[in-house]
């Protein structure tokens, strides 16, 4: 039978390993910035323009680009918001856009449109 001291060491080691694994999972998790379903209108267009002018790669949402279709403001803004967010190292403050966006854990890529 293991001594109480060995038992305590084993429990502490188990907790330590679990904490390391949880940290690795958090650090390596991938997130995306997406438009809220309620976001529309001029505020959304202004936020899209801001993202494209401040670090987002908006080439794929231009005519002929891999993410141009569907050709909707929400779809284009989602791509631009995520590109901006990724360019800022997934900093949560880079996915706000005046409350028009939210962080998602599901990859929004579709068809030939691959999100960064």
PDB file of N, CA and C in Angstrom:
ATOM      1  N   UNK A   1       0.848  -1.184   0.000  1.00  0.00           N
ATOM      2  CA  UNK A   1       0.000   0.000   0.000  1.00  0.00           C
ATOM      3  C   UNK A   1       0.886   1.238   0.000  1.00  0.00           C
ATOM      4  N   UNK A   2       0.505   2.231  -0.784  1.00  0.00           N
ATOM      5  CA  UNK A   2       1.295   3.453  -0.903  1.00  0.00           C
ATOM      6  C   UNK A   2       1.187   4.286   0.368  1.00  0.00           C
ATOM      7  N   UNK A   3       2.271   4.950   0.668  1.00  0.00           N
ATOM      8  CA  UNK A   3       2.277   5.798   1.855  1.00  0.00           C
ATOM      9  C   UNK A   3       1.431   7.037   1.608  1.00  0.00           C
ATOM     10  N   UNK A   4       0.946   7.678   2.682  1.00  0.00           N
ATOM     11  CA  UNK A   4       0.150   8.904   2.523  1.00  0.00           C
ATOM     12  C   UNK A   4       0.932   9.993   1.780  1.00  0.00           C
ATOM     13  N   UNK A   5       2.238  10.057   1.999  1.00  0.00           N
ATOM     14  CA  UNK A   5       3.065  11.074   1.342  1.00  0.00           C
ATOM     15  C   UNK A   5       3.101  10.809  -0.167  1.00  0.00           C
ATOM     16  N   UNK A   6       3.291   9.546  -0.568  1.00  0.00           N
ATOM     17  CA  UNK A   6       3.314   9.194  -1.978  1.00  0.00           C
ATOM     18  C   UNK A   6       1.954   9.472  -2.616  1.00  0.00           C
ATOM     19  N   UNK A   7       0.894   9.160  -1.896  1.00  0.00           N
ATOM     20  CA  UNK A   7      -0.459   9.411  -2.380  1.00  0.00           C
ATOM     21  C   UNK A   7      -0.659  10.910  -2.649  1.00  0.00           C
ATOM     22  N   UNK A   8      -0.215  11.758  -1.737  1.00  0.00           N
ATOM     23  CA  UNK A   8      -0.325  13.215  -1.900  1.00  0.00           C
ATOM     24  C   UNK A   8       0.478  13.698  -3.097  1.00  0.00           C
ATOM     25  N   UNK A   9       1.662  13.159  -3.277  1.00  0.00           N
ATOM     26  CA  UNK A   9       2.509  13.545  -4.411  1.00  0.00           C
ATOM     27  C   UNK A   9       1.826  13.147  -5.717  1.00  0.00           C
ATOM     28  N   UNK A  10       1.244  11.980  -5.757  1.00  0.00           N
ATOM     29  CA  UNK A  10       0.553  11.509  -6.963  1.00  0.00           C
ATOM     30  C   UNK A  10      -0.635  12.415  -7.302  1.00  0.00           C
ATOM     31  N   UNK A  11      -1.391  12.813  -6.302  1.00  0.00           N
ATOM     32  CA  UNK A  11      -2.536  13.707  -6.532  1.00  0.00           C
ATOM     33  C   UNK A  11      -2.051  15.055  -7.053  1.00  0.00           C
ATOM     34  N   UNK A  12      -1.012  15.600  -6.448  1.00  0.00           N
ATOM     35  CA  UNK A  12      -0.478  16.895  -6.886  1.00  0.00           C
ATOM     36  C   UNK A  12       0.057  16.804  -8.310  1.00  0.00           C
ATOM     37  N   UNK A  13       0.731  15.712  -8.630  1.00  0.00           N
ATOM     38  CA  UNK A  13       1.253  15.514  -9.974  1.00  0.00           C
ATOM     39  C   UNK A  13       0.117  15.418 -10.988  1.00  0.00           C
ATOM     40  N   UNK A  14      -0.937  14.726 -10.651  1.00  0.00           N
ATOM     41  CA  UNK A  14      -2.101  14.602 -11.528  1.00  0.00           C
ATOM     42  C   UNK A  14      -2.736  15.964 -11.782  1.00  0.00           C
ATOM     43  N   UNK A  15      -2.891  16.749 -10.744  1.00  0.00           N
ATOM     44  CA  UNK A  15      -3.456  18.095 -10.882  1.00  0.00           C
ATOM     45  C   UNK A  15      -2.554  18.960 -11.756  1.00  0.00           C
ATOM     46  N   UNK A  16      -1.256  18.886 -11.536  1.00  0.00           N
ATOM     47  CA  UNK A  16      -0.295  19.670 -12.309  1.00  0.00           C
ATOM     48  C   UNK A  16      -0.364  19.308 -13.795  1.00  0.00           C
ATOM     49  N   UNK A  17      -0.388  18.029 -14.095  1.00  0.00           N
ATOM     50  CA  UNK A  17      -0.463  17.587 -15.492  1.00  0.00           C
ATOM     51  C   UNK A  17      -1.777  18.030 -16.123  1.00  0.00           C
ATOM     52  N   UNK A  18      -2.871  17.930 -15.396  1.00  0.00           N
ATOM     53  CA  UNK A  18      -4.167  18.370 -15.917  1.00  0.00           C
ATOM     54  C   UNK A  18      -4.151  19.863 -16.230  1.00  0.00           C
ATOM     55  N   UNK A  19      -3.531  20.653 -15.378  1.00  0.00           N
ATOM     56  CA  UNK A  19      -3.448  22.100 -15.613  1.00  0.00           C
ATOM     57  C   UNK A  19      -2.620  22.394 -16.860  1.00  0.00           C
ATOM     58  N   UNK A  20      -1.534  21.681 -17.058  1.00  0.00           N
ATOM     59  CA  UNK A  20      -0.700  21.884 -18.244  1.00  0.00           C
ATOM     60  C   UNK A  20      -1.497  21.542 -19.499  1.00  0.00           C
ATOM     61  N   UNK A  21      -2.179  20.418 -19.485  1.00  0.00           N
ATOM     62  CA  UNK A  21      -2.966  20.021 -20.647  1.00  0.00           C
ATOM     63  C   UNK A  21      -4.074  21.016 -20.941  1.00  0.00           C
ATOM     64  N   UNK A  22      -4.724  21.531 -19.931  1.00  0.00           N
ATOM     65  CA  UNK A  22      -5.775  22.524 -20.135  1.00  0.00           C
ATOM     66  C   UNK A  22      -5.195  23.795 -20.734  1.00  0.00           C
ATOM     67  N   UNK A  23      -4.029  24.200 -20.271  1.00  0.00           N
ATOM     68  CA  UNK A  23      -3.365  25.388 -20.804  1.00  0.00           C
ATOM     69  C   UNK A  23      -3.021  25.200 -22.269  1.00  0.00           C
ATOM     70  N   UNK A  24      -2.497  24.055 -22.642  1.00  0.00           N
ATOM     71  CA  UNK A  24      -2.144  23.777 -24.025  1.00  0.00           C
ATOM     72  C   UNK A  24      -3.391  23.829 -24.891  1.00  0.00           C
ATOM     73  N   UNK A  25      -4.484  23.266 -24.423  1.00  0.00           N
ATOM     74  CA  UNK A  25      -5.718  23.268 -25.196  1.00  0.00           C
ATOM     75  C   UNK A  25      -6.227  24.694 -25.400  1.00  0.00           C
ATOM     76  N   UNK A  26      -6.122  25.539 -24.391  1.00  0.00           N
ATOM     77  CA  UNK A  26      -6.589  26.920 -24.504  1.00  0.00           C
ATOM     78  C   UNK A  26      -5.705  27.710 -25.449  1.00  0.00           C
ATOM     79  N   UNK A  27      -4.387  27.586 -25.296  1.00  0.00           N
ATOM     80  CA  UNK A  27      -3.452  28.340 -26.122  1.00  0.00           C
ATOM     81  C   UNK A  27      -3.571  27.952 -27.585  1.00  0.00           C
ATOM     82  N   UNK A  28      -3.789  26.664 -27.862  1.00  0.00           N
ATOM     83  CA  UNK A  28      -3.823  26.201 -29.234  1.00  0.00           C
ATOM     84  C   UNK A  28      -5.216  26.238 -29.852  1.00  0.00           C
ATOM     85  N   UNK A  29      -6.217  26.697 -29.106  1.00  0.00           N
ATOM     86  CA  UNK A  29      -7.560  26.696 -29.666  1.00  0.00           C
ATOM     87  C   UNK A  29      -7.674  27.779 -30.737  1.00  0.00           C
ATOM     88  N   UNK A  30      -8.437  27.494 -31.741  1.00  0.00           N
ATOM     89  CA  UNK A  30      -8.633  28.406 -32.854  1.00  0.00           C
ATOM     90  C   UNK A  30     -10.004  29.041 -32.708  1.00  0.00           C
ATOM     91  N   UNK A  31     -10.060  30.333 -32.889  1.00  0.00           N
ATOM     92  CA  UNK A  31     -11.327  31.043 -32.845  1.00  0.00           C
ATOM     93  C   UNK A  31     -11.436  31.946 -34.060  1.00  0.00           C
ATOM     94  N   UNK A  32     -12.646  32.359 -34.353  1.00  0.00           N
ATOM     95  CA  UNK A  32     -12.930  33.225 -35.484  1.00  0.00           C
ATOM     96  C   UNK A  32     -13.831  34.355 -35.026  1.00  0.00           C
ATOM     97  N   UNK A  33     -13.780  35.460 -35.720  1.00  0.00           N
ATOM     98  CA  UNK A  33     -14.632  36.609 -35.425  1.00  0.00           C
ATOM     99  C   UNK A  33     -15.733  36.645 -36.476  1.00  0.00           C
ATOM    100  N   UNK A  34     -16.973  36.665 -36.021  1.00  0.00           N
ATOM    101  CA  UNK A  34     -18.110  36.609 -36.926  1.00  0.00           C
ATOM    102  C   UNK A  34     -19.114  37.720 -36.641  1.00  0.00           C
ATOM    103  N   UNK A  35     -19.825  38.128 -37.660  1.00  0.00           N
ATOM    104  CA  UNK A  35     -20.881  39.125 -37.532  1.00  0.00           C
ATOM    105  C   UNK A  35     -22.032  38.516 -36.729  1.00  0.00           C
ATOM    106  N   UNK A  36     -22.580  39.314 -35.827  1.00  0.00           N
ATOM    107  CA  UNK A  36     -23.792  38.880 -35.110  1.00  0.00           C
ATOM    108  C   UNK A  36     -24.951  38.854 -36.104  1.00  0.00           C
ATOM    109  N   UNK A  37     -25.849  37.922 -35.933  1.00  0.00           N
ATOM    110  CA  UNK A  37     -26.961  37.771 -36.872  1.00  0.00           C
ATOM    111  C   UNK A  37     -27.856  39.015 -36.903  1.00  0.00           C
ATOM    112  N   UNK A  38     -27.847  39.792 -35.850  1.00  0.00           N
ATOM    113  CA  UNK A  38     -28.691  40.990 -35.783  1.00  0.00           C
ATOM    114  C   UNK A  38     -28.042  42.220 -36.424  1.00  0.00           C
ATOM    115  N   UNK A  39     -26.786  42.115 -36.843  1.00  0.00           N
ATOM    116  CA  UNK A  39     -26.060  43.267 -37.395  1.00  0.00           C
ATOM    117  C   UNK A  39     -26.463  43.528 -38.844  1.00  0.00           C
ATOM    118  N   UNK A  40     -26.835  44.772 -39.116  1.00  0.00           N
ATOM    119  CA  UNK A  40     -27.244  45.157 -40.476  1.00  0.00           C
ATOM    120  C   UNK A  40     -26.971  46.643 -40.685  1.00  0.00           C
ATOM    121  N   UNK A  41     -27.215  47.091 -41.888  1.00  0.00           N
ATOM    122  CA  UNK A  41     -27.264  48.506 -42.207  1.00  0.00           C
ATOM    123  C   UNK A  41     -25.954  49.255 -42.265  1.00  0.00           C
ATOM    124  N   UNK A  42     -26.056  50.576 -42.206  1.00  0.00           N
ATOM    125  CA  UNK A  42     -24.883  51.442 -42.359  1.00  0.00           C
ATOM    126  C   UNK A  42     -23.782  51.182 -41.330  1.00  0.00           C
ATOM    127  N   UNK A  43     -24.150  50.850 -40.107  1.00  0.00           N
ATOM    128  CA  UNK A  43     -23.127  50.584 -39.086  1.00  0.00           C
ATOM    129  C   UNK A  43     -22.280  49.375 -39.487  1.00  0.00           C
ATOM    130  N   UNK A  44     -22.918  48.363 -40.059  1.00  0.00           N
ATOM    131  CA  UNK A  44     -22.188  47.174 -40.497  1.00  0.00           C
ATOM    132  C   UNK A  44     -21.292  47.511 -41.680  1.00  0.00           C
ATOM    133  N   UNK A  45     -21.784  48.309 -42.612  1.00  0.00           N
ATOM    134  CA  UNK A  45     -20.965  48.723 -43.756  1.00  0.00           C
ATOM    135  C   UNK A  45     -19.756  49.536 -43.288  1.00  0.00           C
ATOM    136  N   UNK A  46     -19.965  50.435 -42.337  1.00  0.00           N
ATOM    137  CA  UNK A  46     -18.859  51.236 -41.810  1.00  0.00           C
ATOM    138  C   UNK A  46     -17.820  50.356 -41.124  1.00  0.00           C
ATOM    139  N   UNK A  47     -18.276  49.353 -40.387  1.00  0.00           N
ATOM    140  CA  UNK A  47     -17.349  48.449 -39.707  1.00  0.00           C
ATOM    141  C   UNK A  47     -16.571  47.611 -40.718  1.00  0.00           C
ATOM    142  N   UNK A  48     -17.226  47.181 -41.774  1.00  0.00           N
ATOM    143  CA  UNK A  48     -16.560  46.444 -42.854  1.00  0.00           C
ATOM    144  C   UNK A  48     -15.484  47.321 -43.485  1.00  0.00           C
ATOM    145  N   UNK A  49     -15.831  48.558 -43.781  1.00  0.00           N
ATOM    146  CA  UNK A  49     -14.855  49.490 -44.363  1.00  0.00           C
ATOM    147  C   UNK A  49     -13.665  49.694 -43.425  1.00  0.00           C
ATOM    148  N   UNK A  50     -13.941  49.812 -42.135  1.00  0.00           N
ATOM    149  CA  UNK A  50     -12.870  49.979 -41.147  1.00  0.00           C
ATOM    150  C   UNK A  50     -11.927  48.770 -41.162  1.00  0.00           C
ATOM    151  N   UNK A  51     -12.500  47.583 -41.114  1.00  0.00           N
ATOM    152  CA  UNK A  51     -11.669  46.365 -41.094  1.00  0.00           C
ATOM    153  C   UNK A  51     -10.788  46.294 -42.332  1.00  0.00           C
ATOM    154  N   UNK A  52     -11.376  46.559 -43.499  1.00  0.00           N
ATOM    155  CA  UNK A  52     -10.618  46.470 -44.749  1.00  0.00           C
ATOM    156  C   UNK A  52      -9.545  47.549 -44.861  1.00  0.00           C
ATOM    157  N   UNK A  53      -9.731  48.655 -44.174  1.00  0.00           N
ATOM    158  CA  UNK A  53      -8.755  49.752 -44.216  1.00  0.00           C
ATOM    159  C   UNK A  53      -7.694  49.664 -43.120  1.00  0.00           C
ATOM    160  N   UNK A  54      -7.855  48.694 -42.216  1.00  0.00           N
ATOM    161  CA  UNK A  54      -6.960  48.654 -41.053  1.00  0.00           C
ATOM    162  C   UNK A  54      -6.366  47.275 -40.773  1.00  0.00           C
ATOM    163  N   UNK A  55      -6.040  46.551 -41.821  1.00  0.00           N
ATOM    164  CA  UNK A  55      -5.309  45.306 -41.623  1.00  0.00           C
ATOM    165  C   UNK A  55      -5.961  44.050 -42.134  1.00  0.00           C
ATOM    166  N   UNK A  56      -7.262  44.085 -42.413  1.00  0.00           N
ATOM    167  CA  UNK A  56      -7.921  42.887 -42.944  1.00  0.00           C
ATOM    168  C   UNK A  56      -7.542  42.692 -44.405  1.00  0.00           C
ATOM    169  N   UNK A  57      -7.394  41.445 -44.821  1.00  0.00           N
ATOM    170  CA  UNK A  57      -7.187  41.123 -46.233  1.00  0.00           C
ATOM    171  C   UNK A  57      -8.560  40.940 -46.852  1.00  0.00           C
ATOM    172  N   UNK A  58      -9.028  41.931 -47.574  1.00  0.00           N
ATOM    173  CA  UNK A  58     -10.381  41.888 -48.130  1.00  0.00           C
ATOM    174  C   UNK A  58     -10.405  41.478 -49.599  1.00  0.00           C
ATOM    175  N   UNK A  59      -9.269  41.037 -50.111  1.00  0.00           N
ATOM    176  CA  UNK A  59      -9.211  40.545 -51.490  1.00  0.00           C
ATOM    177  C   UNK A  59     -10.191  39.415 -51.769  1.00  0.00           C
ATOM    178  N   UNK A  60     -10.297  38.418 -50.879  1.00  0.00           N
ATOM    179  CA  UNK A  60     -11.205  37.302 -51.153  1.00  0.00           C
ATOM    180  C   UNK A  60     -12.687  37.675 -51.228  1.00  0.00           C
ATOM    181  N   UNK A  61     -13.074  38.850 -50.718  1.00  0.00           N
ATOM    182  CA  UNK A  61     -14.494  39.235 -50.792  1.00  0.00           C
ATOM    183  C   UNK A  61     -14.761  40.213 -51.938  1.00  0.00           C
ATOM    184  N   UNK A  62     -13.757  40.441 -52.772  1.00  0.00           N
ATOM    185  CA  UNK A  62     -13.941  41.275 -53.961  1.00  0.00           C
ATOM    186  C   UNK A  62     -14.523  40.403 -55.080  1.00  0.00           C
ATOM    187  N   UNK A  63     -15.170  41.016 -56.087  1.00  0.00           N
ATOM    188  CA  UNK A  63     -15.720  40.220 -57.197  1.00  0.00           C
ATOM    189  C   UNK A  63     -14.657  39.269 -57.760  1.00  0.00           C
ATOM    190  N   UNK A  64     -15.044  38.009 -57.911  1.00  0.00           N
ATOM    191  CA  UNK A  64     -14.126  36.991 -58.411  1.00  0.00           C
ATOM    192  C   UNK A  64     -13.314  36.320 -57.315  1.00  0.00           C
ATOM    193  N   UNK A  65     -13.372  36.869 -56.096  1.00  0.00           N
ATOM    194  CA  UNK A  65     -12.623  36.291 -54.976  1.00  0.00           C
ATOM    195  C   UNK A  65     -13.286  35.025 -54.454  1.00  0.00           C
ATOM    196  N   UNK A  66     -12.512  34.234 -53.740  1.00  0.00           N
ATOM    197  CA  UNK A  66     -13.007  32.938 -53.255  1.00  0.00           C
ATOM    198  C   UNK A  66     -14.136  33.054 -52.236  1.00  0.00           C
ATOM    199  N   UNK A  67     -14.306  34.233 -51.624  1.00  0.00           N
ATOM    200  CA  UNK A  67     -15.364  34.425 -50.617  1.00  0.00           C
ATOM    201  C   UNK A  67     -16.351  35.524 -51.021  1.00  0.00           C
ATOM    202  N   UNK A  68     -16.376  35.861 -52.310  1.00  0.00           N
ATOM    203  CA  UNK A  68     -17.304  36.895 -52.772  1.00  0.00           C
ATOM    204  C   UNK A  68     -18.754  36.443 -52.638  1.00  0.00           C
ATOM    205  N   UNK A  69     -19.014  35.178 -52.941  1.00  0.00           N
ATOM    206  CA  UNK A  69     -20.380  34.645 -52.817  1.00  0.00           C
ATOM    207  C   UNK A  69     -20.532  33.894 -51.505  1.00  0.00           C
ATOM    208  N   UNK A  70     -21.618  34.075 -50.807  1.00  0.00           N
ATOM    209  CA  UNK A  70     -22.748  34.916 -51.213  1.00  0.00           C
ATOM    210  C   UNK A  70     -22.392  36.398 -51.112  1.00  0.00           C
ATOM    211  N   UNK A  71     -22.876  37.140 -52.055  1.00  0.00           N
ATOM    212  CA  UNK A  71     -22.590  38.567 -52.147  1.00  0.00           C
ATOM    213  C   UNK A  71     -23.543  39.338 -51.232  1.00  0.00           C
ATOM    214  N   UNK A  72     -23.290  39.211 -49.922  1.00  0.00           N
ATOM    215  CA  UNK A  72     -24.116  39.914 -48.941  1.00  0.00           C
ATOM    216  C   UNK A  72     -23.207  40.700 -48.003  1.00  0.00           C
ATOM    217  N   UNK A  73     -23.753  41.747 -47.461  1.00  0.00           N
ATOM    218  CA  UNK A  73     -23.008  42.572 -46.516  1.00  0.00           C
ATOM    219  C   UNK A  73     -22.576  41.739 -45.309  1.00  0.00           C
ATOM    220  N   UNK A  74     -23.465  40.922 -44.784  1.00  0.00           N
ATOM    221  CA  UNK A  74     -23.123  40.105 -43.611  1.00  0.00           C
ATOM    222  C   UNK A  74     -22.002  39.123 -43.913  1.00  0.00           C
ATOM    223  N   UNK A  75     -22.072  38.461 -45.038  1.00  0.00           N
ATOM    224  CA  UNK A  75     -21.042  37.489 -45.401  1.00  0.00           C
ATOM    225  C   UNK A  75     -19.690  38.172 -45.582  1.00  0.00           C
ATOM    226  N   UNK A  76     -19.670  39.281 -46.296  1.00  0.00           N
ATOM    227  CA  UNK A  76     -18.419  40.001 -46.529  1.00  0.00           C
ATOM    228  C   UNK A  76     -17.857  40.561 -45.222  1.00  0.00           C
ATOM    229  N   UNK A  77     -18.732  41.085 -44.375  1.00  0.00           N
ATOM    230  CA  UNK A  77     -18.279  41.630 -43.093  1.00  0.00           C
ATOM    231  C   UNK A  77     -17.706  40.524 -42.207  1.00  0.00           C
ATOM    232  N   UNK A  78     -18.324  39.357 -42.206  1.00  0.00           N
ATOM    233  CA  UNK A  78     -17.803  38.246 -41.398  1.00  0.00           C
ATOM    234  C   UNK A  78     -16.385  37.900 -41.812  1.00  0.00           C
ATOM    235  N   UNK A  79     -16.154  37.816 -43.110  1.00  0.00           N
ATOM    236  CA  UNK A  79     -14.803  37.491 -43.583  1.00  0.00           C
ATOM    237  C   UNK A  79     -13.823  38.592 -43.191  1.00  0.00           C
ATOM    238  N   UNK A  80     -14.200  39.837 -43.423  1.00  0.00           N
ATOM    239  CA  UNK A  80     -13.309  40.958 -43.109  1.00  0.00           C
ATOM    240  C   UNK A  80     -13.047  41.064 -41.609  1.00  0.00           C
ATOM    241  N   UNK A  81     -14.081  40.891 -40.807  1.00  0.00           N
ATOM    242  CA  UNK A  81     -13.907  40.954 -39.350  1.00  0.00           C
ATOM    243  C   UNK A  81     -12.938  39.878 -38.886  1.00  0.00           C
ATOM    244  N   UNK A  82     -13.091  38.663 -39.444  1.00  0.00           N
ATOM    245  CA  UNK A  82     -12.200  37.593 -39.029  1.00  0.00           C
ATOM    246  C   UNK A  82     -10.769  37.840 -39.496  1.00  0.00           C
ATOM    247  N   UNK A  83     -10.611  38.329 -40.695  1.00  0.00           N
ATOM    248  CA  UNK A  83      -9.266  38.629 -41.191  1.00  0.00           C
ATOM    249  C   UNK A  83      -8.596  39.681 -40.301  1.00  0.00           C
ATOM    250  N   UNK A  84      -9.352  40.700 -39.917  1.00  0.00           N
ATOM    251  CA  UNK A  84      -8.838  41.731 -39.011  1.00  0.00           C
ATOM    252  C   UNK A  84      -8.455  41.121 -37.667  1.00  0.00           C
ATOM    253  N   UNK A  85      -9.346  40.309 -37.119  1.00  0.00           N
ATOM    254  CA  UNK A  85      -9.143  39.652 -35.826  1.00  0.00           C
ATOM    255  C   UNK A  85      -7.901  38.754 -35.854  1.00  0.00           C
ATOM    256  N   UNK A  86      -7.745  37.990 -36.922  1.00  0.00           N
ATOM    257  CA  UNK A  86      -6.569  37.115 -37.028  1.00  0.00           C
ATOM    258  C   UNK A  86      -5.293  37.952 -37.152  1.00  0.00           C
ATOM    259  N   UNK A  87      -5.366  39.077 -37.878  1.00  0.00           N
ATOM    260  CA  UNK A  87      -4.177  39.931 -38.044  1.00  0.00           C
ATOM    261  C   UNK A  87      -3.752  40.571 -36.725  1.00  0.00           C
ATOM    262  N   UNK A  88      -4.650  40.613 -35.771  1.00  0.00           N
ATOM    263  CA  UNK A  88      -4.360  41.175 -34.448  1.00  0.00           C
ATOM    264  C   UNK A  88      -4.085  40.070 -33.423  1.00  0.00           C
ATOM    265  N   UNK A  89      -3.754  38.874 -33.903  1.00  0.00           N
ATOM    266  CA  UNK A  89      -3.381  37.787 -33.007  1.00  0.00           C
ATOM    267  C   UNK A  89      -4.519  37.224 -32.188  1.00  0.00           C
ATOM    268  N   UNK A  90      -5.727  37.264 -32.713  1.00  0.00           N
ATOM    269  CA  UNK A  90      -6.931  36.787 -32.027  1.00  0.00           C
ATOM    270  C   UNK A  90      -7.158  37.501 -30.694  1.00  0.00           C
ATOM    271  N   UNK A  91      -6.783  38.757 -30.647  1.00  0.00           N
ATOM    272  CA  UNK A  91      -7.035  39.560 -29.447  1.00  0.00           C
ATOM    273  C   UNK A  91      -8.547  39.801 -29.366  1.00  0.00           C
ATOM    274  N   UNK A  92      -9.177  39.400 -28.263  1.00  0.00           N
ATOM    275  CA  UNK A  92     -10.636  39.560 -28.157  1.00  0.00           C
ATOM    276  C   UNK A  92     -11.132  40.980 -28.417  1.00  0.00           C
ATOM    277  N   UNK A  93     -10.345  41.982 -28.084  1.00  0.00           N
ATOM    278  CA  UNK A  93     -10.786  43.358 -28.324  1.00  0.00           C
ATOM    279  C   UNK A  93     -10.827  43.693 -29.814  1.00  0.00           C
ATOM    280  N   UNK A  94     -10.198  42.866 -30.650  1.00  0.00           N
ATOM    281  CA  UNK A  94     -10.214  43.088 -32.100  1.00  0.00           C
ATOM    282  C   UNK A  94     -11.449  42.467 -32.755  1.00  0.00           C
ATOM    283  N   UNK A  95     -12.331  41.912 -31.941  1.00  0.00           N
ATOM    284  CA  UNK A  95     -13.576  41.328 -32.468  1.00  0.00           C
ATOM    285  C   UNK A  95     -14.758  41.940 -31.728  1.00  0.00           C
ATOM    286  N   UNK A  96     -14.932  43.220 -31.926  1.00  0.00           N
ATOM    287  CA  UNK A  96     -16.050  43.889 -31.288  1.00  0.00           C
ATOM    288  C   UNK A  96     -16.848  44.646 -32.340  1.00  0.00           C
ATOM    289  N   UNK A  97     -16.185  45.565 -33.007  1.00  0.00           N
ATOM    290  CA  UNK A  97     -16.813  46.360 -34.056  1.00  0.00           C
ATOM    291  C   UNK A  97     -18.123  46.975 -33.577  1.00  0.00           C
ATOM    292  N   UNK A  98     -18.037  47.629 -32.428  1.00  0.00           N
ATOM    293  CA  UNK A  98     -19.207  48.318 -31.882  1.00  0.00           C
ATOM    294  C   UNK A  98     -20.330  47.376 -31.496  1.00  0.00           C
ATOM    295  N   UNK A  99     -19.993  46.164 -31.099  1.00  0.00           N
ATOM    296  CA  UNK A  99     -21.000  45.189 -30.709  1.00  0.00           C
ATOM    297  C   UNK A  99     -21.592  44.408 -31.871  1.00  0.00           C
ATOM    298  N   UNK A 100     -21.050  44.596 -33.071  1.00  0.00           N
ATOM    299  CA  UNK A 100     -21.596  43.930 -34.258  1.00  0.00           C
ATOM    300  C   UNK A 100     -21.028  42.530 -34.476  1.00  0.00           C
ATOM    301  N   UNK A 101     -20.005  42.160 -33.702  1.00  0.00           N
ATOM    302  CA  UNK A 101     -19.327  40.885 -33.932  1.00  0.00           C
ATOM    303  C   UNK A 101     -19.196  40.091 -32.640  1.00  0.00           C
ATOM    304  N   UNK A 102     -18.916  38.821 -32.813  1.00  0.00           N
ATOM    305  CA  UNK A 102     -18.720  37.929 -31.675  1.00  0.00           C
ATOM    306  C   UNK A 102     -17.675  36.879 -32.041  1.00  0.00           C
ATOM    307  N   UNK A 103     -17.041  36.311 -31.035  1.00  0.00           N
ATOM    308  CA  UNK A 103     -16.034  35.276 -31.251  1.00  0.00           C
ATOM    309  C   UNK A 103     -16.742  33.924 -31.355  1.00  0.00           C
ATOM    310  N   UNK A 104     -16.341  33.161 -32.357  1.00  0.00           N
ATOM    311  CA  UNK A 104     -16.924  31.828 -32.594  1.00  0.00           C
ATOM    312  C   UNK A 104     -15.840  30.764 -32.496  1.00  0.00           C
ATOM    313  N   UNK A 105     -16.239  29.555 -32.144  1.00  0.00           N
ATOM    314  CA  UNK A 105     -15.289  28.446 -32.041  1.00  0.00           C
ATOM    315  C   UNK A 105     -15.456  27.454 -33.196  1.00  0.00           C
ATOM    316  N   UNK A 106     -16.412  27.704 -34.073  1.00  0.00           N
ATOM    317  CA  UNK A 106     -16.645  26.847 -35.226  1.00  0.00           C
ATOM    318  C   UNK A 106     -16.117  27.539 -36.478  1.00  0.00           C
ATOM    319  N   UNK A 107     -15.318  26.822 -37.250  1.00  0.00           N
ATOM    320  CA  UNK A 107     -14.740  27.371 -38.481  1.00  0.00           C
ATOM    321  C   UNK A 107     -15.860  27.734 -39.456  1.00  0.00           C
ATOM    322  N   UNK A 108     -15.952  29.015 -39.853  1.00  0.00           N
ATOM    323  CA  UNK A 108     -17.026  29.438 -40.753  1.00  0.00           C
ATOM    324  C   UNK A 108     -16.720  29.201 -42.239  1.00  0.00           C
ATOM    325  N   UNK A 109     -15.572  28.610 -42.550  1.00  0.00           N
ATOM    326  CA  UNK A 109     -15.207  28.358 -43.951  1.00  0.00           C
ATOM    327  C   UNK A 109     -16.286  27.530 -44.641  1.00  0.00           C
ATOM    328  N   UNK A 110     -16.435  27.756 -45.946  1.00  0.00           N
ATOM    329  CA  UNK A 110     -17.425  27.014 -46.738  1.00  0.00           C
ATOM    330  C   UNK A 110     -16.934  26.918 -48.158  1.00  0.00           C
ATOM    331  N   UNK A 111     -17.228  25.827 -48.820  1.00  0.00           N
ATOM    332  CA  UNK A 111     -16.825  25.651 -50.213  1.00  0.00           C
ATOM    333  C   UNK A 111     -15.369  26.007 -50.417  1.00  0.00           C
ATOM    334  N   UNK A 112     -15.098  26.887 -51.381  1.00  0.00           N
ATOM    335  CA  UNK A 112     -13.710  27.306 -51.644  1.00  0.00           C
ATOM    336  C   UNK A 112     -13.304  28.498 -50.780  1.00  0.00           C
ATOM    337  N   UNK A 113     -14.222  28.993 -49.958  1.00  0.00           N
ATOM    338  CA  UNK A 113     -13.923  30.134 -49.073  1.00  0.00           C
ATOM    339  C   UNK A 113     -13.322  29.613 -47.782  1.00  0.00           C
ATOM    340  N   UNK A 114     -12.056  29.892 -47.605  1.00  0.00           N
ATOM    341  CA  UNK A 114     -11.321  29.463 -46.410  1.00  0.00           C
ATOM    342  C   UNK A 114     -11.009  30.678 -45.556  1.00  0.00           C
ATOM    343  N   UNK A 115     -11.517  30.675 -44.357  1.00  0.00           N
ATOM    344  CA  UNK A 115     -11.230  31.774 -43.430  1.00  0.00           C
ATOM    345  C   UNK A 115      -9.807  31.628 -42.899  1.00  0.00           C
ATOM    346  N   UNK A 116      -9.164  32.777 -42.616  1.00  0.00           N
ATOM    347  CA  UNK A 116      -7.771  32.713 -42.114  1.00  0.00           C
ATOM    348  C   UNK A 116      -7.672  31.943 -40.801  1.00  0.00           C
TER     349      UNK A 116
END
